[in-house]
PDB file of N, CA and C in Angstrom:
ATOM      1  N   MET A   1     -25.564-136.993  95.191  1.00  0.00           N
ATOM      2  CA  MET A   1     -24.350-137.774  95.278  1.00  0.00           C
ATOM      3  C   MET A   1     -24.654-139.189  95.775  1.00  0.00           C
ATOM      4  N   ASN A   2     -25.602-139.315  96.693  1.00  0.00           N
ATOM      5  CA  ASN A   2     -25.955-140.639  97.215  1.00  0.00           C
ATOM      6  C   ASN A   2     -26.496-141.549  96.120  1.00  0.00           C
ATOM      7  N   GLU A   3     -27.193-140.951  95.138  1.00  0.00           N
ATOM      8  CA  GLU A   3     -27.728-141.748  94.033  1.00  0.00           C
ATOM      9  C   GLU A   3     -26.600-142.379  93.229  1.00  0.00           C
ATOM     10  N   VAL A   4     -25.533-141.615  93.010  1.00  0.00           N
ATOM     11  CA  VAL A   4     -24.387-142.128  92.254  1.00  0.00           C
ATOM     12  C   VAL A   4     -23.717-143.257  93.036  1.00  0.00           C
ATOM     13  N   VAL A   5     -23.531-143.065  94.330  1.00  0.00           N
ATOM     14  CA  VAL A   5     -22.897-144.086  95.168  1.00  0.00           C
ATOM     15  C   VAL A   5     -23.751-145.356  95.179  1.00  0.00           C
ATOM     16  N   ASP A   6     -25.058-145.205  95.324  1.00  0.00           N
ATOM     17  CA  ASP A   6     -25.956-146.369  95.298  1.00  0.00           C
ATOM     18  C   ASP A   6     -25.868-147.098  93.962  1.00  0.00           C
ATOM     19  N   ARG A   7     -25.839-146.332  92.892  1.00  0.00           N
ATOM     20  CA  ARG A   7     -25.756-146.923  91.554  1.00  0.00           C
ATOM     21  C   ARG A   7     -24.456-147.714  91.385  1.00  0.00           C
ATOM     22  N   ILE A   8     -23.357-147.159  91.868  1.00  0.00           N
ATOM     23  CA  ILE A   8     -22.058-147.833  91.778  1.00  0.00           C
ATOM     24  C   ILE A   8     -22.100-149.158  92.529  1.00  0.00           C
ATOM     25  N   LEU A   9     -22.573-149.120  93.765  1.00  0.00           N
ATOM     26  CA  LEU A   9     -22.611-150.336  94.583  1.00  0.00           C
ATOM     27  C   LEU A   9     -23.556-151.384  93.998  1.00  0.00           C
ATOM     28  N   GLN A  10     -24.726-150.961  93.539  1.00  0.00           N
ATOM     29  CA  GLN A  10     -25.681-151.905  92.963  1.00  0.00           C
ATOM     30  C   GLN A  10     -25.117-152.557  91.705  1.00  0.00           C
ATOM     31  N   THR A  11     -24.492-151.762  90.862  1.00  0.00           N
ATOM     32  CA  THR A  11     -23.913-152.299  89.628  1.00  0.00           C
ATOM     33  C   THR A  11     -22.789-153.267  89.938  1.00  0.00           C
ATOM     34  N   TYR A  12     -21.932-152.900  90.878  1.00  0.00           N
ATOM     35  CA  TYR A  12     -20.814-153.781  91.228  1.00  0.00           C
ATOM     36  C   TYR A  12     -21.321-155.099  91.806  1.00  0.00           C
ATOM     37  N   GLN A  13     -22.365-155.038  92.618  1.00  0.00           N
ATOM     38  CA  GLN A  13     -22.921-156.253  93.208  1.00  0.00           C
ATOM     39  C   GLN A  13     -23.542-157.158  92.149  1.00  0.00           C
ATOM     40  N   LEU A  14     -24.008-156.593  91.051  1.00  0.00           N
ATOM     41  CA  LEU A  14     -24.526-157.411  89.954  1.00  0.00           C
ATOM     42  C   LEU A  14     -23.401-158.134  89.217  1.00  0.00           C
ATOM     43  N   MET A  15     -22.232-157.512  89.181  1.00  0.00           N
ATOM     44  CA  MET A  15     -21.095-158.073  88.451  1.00  0.00           C
ATOM     45  C   MET A  15     -20.280-159.046  89.287  1.00  0.00           C
ATOM     46  N   ARG A  16     -20.183-158.817  90.577  1.00  0.00           N
ATOM     47  CA  ARG A  16     -19.313-159.606  91.455  1.00  0.00           C
ATOM     48  C   ARG A  16     -20.048-159.940  92.751  1.00  0.00           C
ATOM     49  N   ASN A  17     -19.614-161.018  93.386  1.00  0.00           N
ATOM     50  CA  ASN A  17     -20.112-161.340  94.721  1.00  0.00           C
ATOM     51  C   ASN A  17     -19.386-160.459  95.727  1.00  0.00           C
ATOM     52  N   VAL A  18     -20.155-159.765  96.530  1.00  0.00           N
ATOM     53  CA  VAL A  18     -19.579-158.873  97.532  1.00  0.00           C
ATOM     54  C   VAL A  18     -20.033-159.336  98.905  1.00  0.00           C
ATOM     55  N   ASP A  19     -19.090-159.446  99.819  1.00  0.00           N
ATOM     56  CA  ASP A  19     -19.405-159.799 101.198  1.00  0.00           C
ATOM     57  C   ASP A  19     -20.237-158.663 101.796  1.00  0.00           C
ATOM     58  N   PRO A  20     -21.431-158.968 102.317  1.00  0.00           N
ATOM     59  CA  PRO A  20     -22.286-157.917 102.878  1.00  0.00           C
ATOM     60  C   PRO A  20     -21.607-157.088 103.972  1.00  0.00           C
ATOM     61  N   GLU A  21     -20.633-157.674 104.653  1.00  0.00           N
ATOM     62  CA  GLU A  21     -19.930-156.931 105.702  1.00  0.00           C
ATOM     63  C   GLU A  21     -19.018-155.853 105.120  1.00  0.00           C
ATOM     64  N   GLN A  22     -18.641-155.985 103.846  1.00  0.00           N
ATOM     65  CA  GLN A  22     -17.764-155.011 103.208  1.00  0.00           C
ATOM     66  C   GLN A  22     -18.516-153.794 102.676  1.00  0.00           C
ATOM     67  N   ILE A  23     -19.818-153.905 102.527  1.00  0.00           N
ATOM     68  CA  ILE A  23     -20.591-152.848 101.876  1.00  0.00           C
ATOM     69  C   ILE A  23     -20.510-151.507 102.603  1.00  0.00           C
ATOM     70  N   PRO A  24     -20.683-151.437 103.931  1.00  0.00           N
ATOM     71  CA  PRO A  24     -20.585-150.118 104.583  1.00  0.00           C
ATOM     72  C   PRO A  24     -19.224-149.449 104.374  1.00  0.00           C
ATOM     73  N   ASN A  25     -18.154-150.216 104.472  1.00  0.00           N
ATOM     74  CA  ASN A  25     -16.818-149.668 104.261  1.00  0.00           C
ATOM     75  C   ASN A  25     -16.643-149.220 102.809  1.00  0.00           C
ATOM     76  N   SER A  26     -17.121-150.040 101.883  1.00  0.00           N
ATOM     77  CA  SER A  26     -17.036-149.693 100.462  1.00  0.00           C
ATOM     78  C   SER A  26     -17.847-148.441 100.168  1.00  0.00           C
ATOM     79  N   ARG A  27     -19.042-148.350 100.753  1.00  0.00           N
ATOM     80  CA  ARG A  27     -19.899-147.173 100.541  1.00  0.00           C
ATOM     81  C   ARG A  27     -19.180-145.905 100.992  1.00  0.00           C
ATOM     82  N   GLN A  28     -18.540-145.965 102.144  1.00  0.00           N
ATOM     83  CA  GLN A  28     -17.839-144.794 102.673  1.00  0.00           C
ATOM     84  C   GLN A  28     -16.686-144.390 101.749  1.00  0.00           C
ATOM     85  N   LYS A  29     -15.898-145.363 101.304  1.00  0.00           N
ATOM     86  CA  LYS A  29     -14.762-145.063 100.430  1.00  0.00           C
ATOM     87  C   LYS A  29     -15.222-144.520  99.081  1.00  0.00           C
ATOM     88  N   ILE A  30     -16.268-145.113  98.523  1.00  0.00           N
ATOM     89  CA  ILE A  30     -16.790-144.646  97.237  1.00  0.00           C
ATOM     90  C   ILE A  30     -17.355-143.238  97.375  1.00  0.00           C
ATOM     91  N   ALA A  31     -18.062-142.964  98.471  1.00  0.00           N
ATOM     92  CA  ALA A  31     -18.624-141.628  98.679  1.00  0.00           C
ATOM     93  C   ALA A  31     -17.519-140.577  98.740  1.00  0.00           C
ATOM     94  N   LEU A  32     -16.443-140.869  99.450  1.00  0.00           N
ATOM     95  CA  LEU A  32     -15.321-139.926  99.519  1.00  0.00           C
ATOM     96  C   LEU A  32     -14.672-139.742  98.153  1.00  0.00           C
ATOM     97  N   TYR A  33     -14.525-140.827  97.416  1.00  0.00           N
ATOM     98  CA  TYR A  33     -13.911-140.768  96.088  1.00  0.00           C
ATOM     99  C   TYR A  33     -14.767-139.929  95.131  1.00  0.00           C
ATOM    100  N   VAL A  34     -16.071-140.166  95.135  1.00  0.00           N
ATOM    101  CA  VAL A  34     -16.974-139.413  94.264  1.00  0.00           C
ATOM    102  C   VAL A  34     -16.979-137.935  94.659  1.00  0.00           C
ATOM    103  N   GLU A  35     -16.918-137.650  95.950  1.00  0.00           N
ATOM    104  CA  GLU A  35     -16.830-136.257  96.414  1.00  0.00           C
ATOM    105  C   GLU A  35     -15.590-135.570  95.867  1.00  0.00           C
ATOM    106  N   LYS A  36     -14.458-136.266  95.907  1.00  0.00           N
ATOM    107  CA  LYS A  36     -13.212-135.700  95.384  1.00  0.00           C
ATOM    108  C   LYS A  36     -13.323-135.426  93.890  1.00  0.00           C
ATOM    109  N   LEU A  37     -13.885-136.371  93.160  1.00  0.00           N
ATOM    110  CA  LEU A  37     -14.065-136.168  91.723  1.00  0.00           C
ATOM    111  C   LEU A  37     -14.980-134.981  91.460  1.00  0.00           C
ATOM    112  N   ASN A  38     -16.036-134.885  92.244  1.00  0.00           N
ATOM    113  CA  ASN A  38     -16.985-133.793  92.091  1.00  0.00           C
ATOM    114  C   ASN A  38     -16.330-132.454  92.374  1.00  0.00           C
ATOM    115  N   SER A  39     -15.513-132.396  93.408  1.00  0.00           N
ATOM    116  CA  SER A  39     -14.839-131.136  93.741  1.00  0.00           C
ATOM    117  C   SER A  39     -13.783-130.772  92.701  1.00  0.00           C
ATOM    118  N   ALA A  40     -13.346-131.768  91.916  1.00  0.00           N
ATOM    119  CA  ALA A  40     -12.370-131.516  90.851  1.00  0.00           C
ATOM    120  C   ALA A  40     -13.057-131.156  89.534  1.00  0.00           C
ATOM    121  N   GLY A  41     -14.383-131.031  89.564  1.00  0.00           N
ATOM    122  CA  GLY A  41     -15.100-130.583  88.378  1.00  0.00           C
ATOM    123  C   GLY A  41     -15.801-131.668  87.586  1.00  0.00           C
ATOM    124  N   LYS A  42     -15.838-132.871  88.099  1.00  0.00           N
ATOM    125  CA  LYS A  42     -16.542-133.967  87.421  1.00  0.00           C
ATOM    126  C   LYS A  42     -17.977-134.004  87.945  1.00  0.00           C
ATOM    127  N   PHE A  43     -18.941-133.694  87.075  1.00  0.00           N
ATOM    128  CA  PHE A  43     -20.331-133.614  87.514  1.00  0.00           C
ATOM    129  C   PHE A  43     -21.256-134.605  86.814  1.00  0.00           C
ATOM    130  N   ASN A  44     -20.809-135.185  85.706  1.00  0.00           N
ATOM    131  CA  ASN A  44     -21.644-136.100  84.946  1.00  0.00           C
ATOM    132  C   ASN A  44     -21.846-137.392  85.741  1.00  0.00           C
ATOM    133  N   PRO A  45     -23.095-137.727  86.090  1.00  0.00           N
ATOM    134  CA  PRO A  45     -23.332-138.917  86.918  1.00  0.00           C
ATOM    135  C   PRO A  45     -22.891-140.222  86.253  1.00  0.00           C
ATOM    136  N   HIS A  46     -22.969-140.288  84.924  1.00  0.00           N
ATOM    137  CA  HIS A  46     -22.532-141.504  84.226  1.00  0.00           C
ATOM    138  C   HIS A  46     -21.018-141.665  84.322  1.00  0.00           C
ATOM    139  N   GLN A  47     -20.291-140.569  84.152  1.00  0.00           N
ATOM    140  CA  GLN A  47     -18.834-140.620  84.288  1.00  0.00           C
ATOM    141  C   GLN A  47     -18.437-140.965  85.715  1.00  0.00           C
ATOM    142  N   LEU A  48     -19.102-140.344  86.680  1.00  0.00           N
ATOM    143  CA  LEU A  48     -18.800-140.625  88.082  1.00  0.00           C
ATOM    144  C   LEU A  48     -19.033-142.102  88.397  1.00  0.00           C
ATOM    145  N   ALA A  49     -20.096-142.667  87.835  1.00  0.00           N
ATOM    146  CA  ALA A  49     -20.386-144.083  88.066  1.00  0.00           C
ATOM    147  C   ALA A  49     -19.292-144.967  87.467  1.00  0.00           C
ATOM    148  N   MET A  50     -18.823-144.629  86.284  1.00  0.00           N
ATOM    149  CA  MET A  50     -17.763-145.423  85.650  1.00  0.00           C
ATOM    150  C   MET A  50     -16.466-145.336  86.456  1.00  0.00           C
ATOM    151  N   TYR A  51     -16.096-144.131  86.868  1.00  0.00           N
ATOM    152  CA  TYR A  51     -14.890-143.965  87.681  1.00  0.00           C
ATOM    153  C   TYR A  51     -15.038-144.707  89.008  1.00  0.00           C
ATOM    154  N   GLY A  52     -16.217-144.601  89.608  1.00  0.00           N
ATOM    155  CA  GLY A  52     -16.466-145.269  90.881  1.00  0.00           C
ATOM    156  C   GLY A  52     -16.404-146.783  90.768  1.00  0.00           C
ATOM    157  N   LEU A  53     -16.928-147.330  89.677  1.00  0.00           N
ATOM    158  CA  LEU A  53     -16.852-148.781  89.469  1.00  0.00           C
ATOM    159  C   LEU A  53     -15.412-149.244  89.325  1.00  0.00           C
ATOM    160  N   ALA A  54     -14.622-148.487  88.589  1.00  0.00           N
ATOM    161  CA  ALA A  54     -13.208-148.847  88.426  1.00  0.00           C
ATOM    162  C   ALA A  54     -12.492-148.796  89.773  1.00  0.00           C
ATOM    163  N   TYR A  55     -12.795-147.774  90.564  1.00  0.00           N
ATOM    164  CA  TYR A  55     -12.178-147.629  91.886  1.00  0.00           C
ATOM    165  C   TYR A  55     -12.593-148.785  92.801  1.00  0.00           C
ATOM    166  N   LEU A  56     -13.863-149.121  92.791  1.00  0.00           N
ATOM    167  CA  LEU A  56     -14.366-150.202  93.637  1.00  0.00           C
ATOM    168  C   LEU A  56     -13.768-151.546  93.221  1.00  0.00           C
ATOM    169  N   LYS A  57     -13.624-151.764  91.933  1.00  0.00           N
ATOM    170  CA  LYS A  57     -13.009-152.999  91.437  1.00  0.00           C
ATOM    171  C   LYS A  57     -11.575-153.109  91.943  1.00  0.00           C
ATOM    172  N   GLU A  58     -10.845-152.012  91.904  1.00  0.00           N
ATOM    173  CA  GLU A  58      -9.463-152.031  92.390  1.00  0.00           C
ATOM    174  C   GLU A  58      -9.412-152.253  93.901  1.00  0.00           C
ATOM    175  N   LEU A  59     -10.357-151.680  94.632  1.00  0.00           N
ATOM    176  CA  LEU A  59     -10.400-151.885  96.086  1.00  0.00           C
ATOM    177  C   LEU A  59     -10.611-153.355  96.440  1.00  0.00           C
ATOM    178  N   HIS A  60     -11.540-154.001  95.740  1.00  0.00           N
ATOM    179  CA  HIS A  60     -11.910-155.373  96.083  1.00  0.00           C
ATOM    180  C   HIS A  60     -11.017-156.426  95.440  1.00  0.00           C
ATOM    181  N   GLU A  61     -10.503-156.131  94.252  1.00  0.00           N
ATOM    182  CA  GLU A  61      -9.769-157.153  93.510  1.00  0.00           C
ATOM    183  C   GLU A  61      -8.288-156.847  93.377  1.00  0.00           C
ATOM    184  N   GLY A  62      -7.875-155.678  93.798  1.00  0.00           N
ATOM    185  CA  GLY A  62      -6.477-155.286  93.661  1.00  0.00           C
ATOM    186  C   GLY A  62      -6.217-154.682  92.292  1.00  0.00           C
ATOM    187  N   PRO A  63      -5.023-154.135  92.112  1.00  0.00           N
ATOM    188  CA  PRO A  63      -4.703-153.502  90.833  1.00  0.00           C
ATOM    189  C   PRO A  63      -4.580-154.537  89.710  1.00  0.00           C
ATOM    190  N   ASP A  64      -4.899-154.112  88.523  1.00  0.00           N
ATOM    191  CA  ASP A  64      -4.796-154.968  87.340  1.00  0.00           C
ATOM    192  C   ASP A  64      -3.327-155.206  87.031  1.00  0.00           C
ATOM    193  N   SER A  65      -2.940-156.462  86.958  1.00  0.00           N
ATOM    194  CA  SER A  65      -1.525-156.804  86.756  1.00  0.00           C
ATOM    195  C   SER A  65      -0.994-156.321  85.409  1.00  0.00           C
ATOM    196  N   ARG A  66      -1.873-156.057  84.465  1.00  0.00           N
ATOM    197  CA  ARG A  66      -1.425-155.554  83.165  1.00  0.00           C
ATOM    198  C   ARG A  66      -0.863-154.145  83.261  1.00  0.00           C
ATOM    199  N   PHE A  67      -1.208-153.426  84.321  1.00  0.00           N
ATOM    200  CA  PHE A  67      -0.811-152.029  84.442  1.00  0.00           C
ATOM    201  C   PHE A  67       0.120-151.762  85.621  1.00  0.00           C
ATOM    202  N   THR A  68       0.759-152.792  86.145  1.00  0.00           N
ATOM    203  CA  THR A  68       1.634-152.599  87.302  1.00  0.00           C
ATOM    204  C   THR A  68       3.061-152.269  86.907  1.00  0.00           C
ATOM    205  N   GLY A  69       3.393-152.407  85.637  1.00  0.00           N
ATOM    206  CA  GLY A  69       4.734-152.078  85.183  1.00  0.00           C
ATOM    207  C   GLY A  69       5.725-153.208  85.325  1.00  0.00           C
ATOM    208  N   CYS A  70       5.271-154.367  85.761  1.00  0.00           N
ATOM    209  CA  CYS A  70       6.179-155.513  85.922  1.00  0.00           C
ATOM    210  C   CYS A  70       6.152-156.404  84.711  1.00  0.00           C
TER     211      CYS A  70
END
């Protein structure tokens, strides 16, 4: 599971500038999120990474305005 979390964080850092102080908090939230997905039957590491990246993007950048219903 740690490999998936590391992959998510490394990929996100390549795409966006991340404040180094946010990384421990982000790591904890992503780890919990990936655990929940795993307990719900999601085991494919590539899928987990994609879901984790989307979750991390929403955490750092907020929800996409195209999908807020406004």
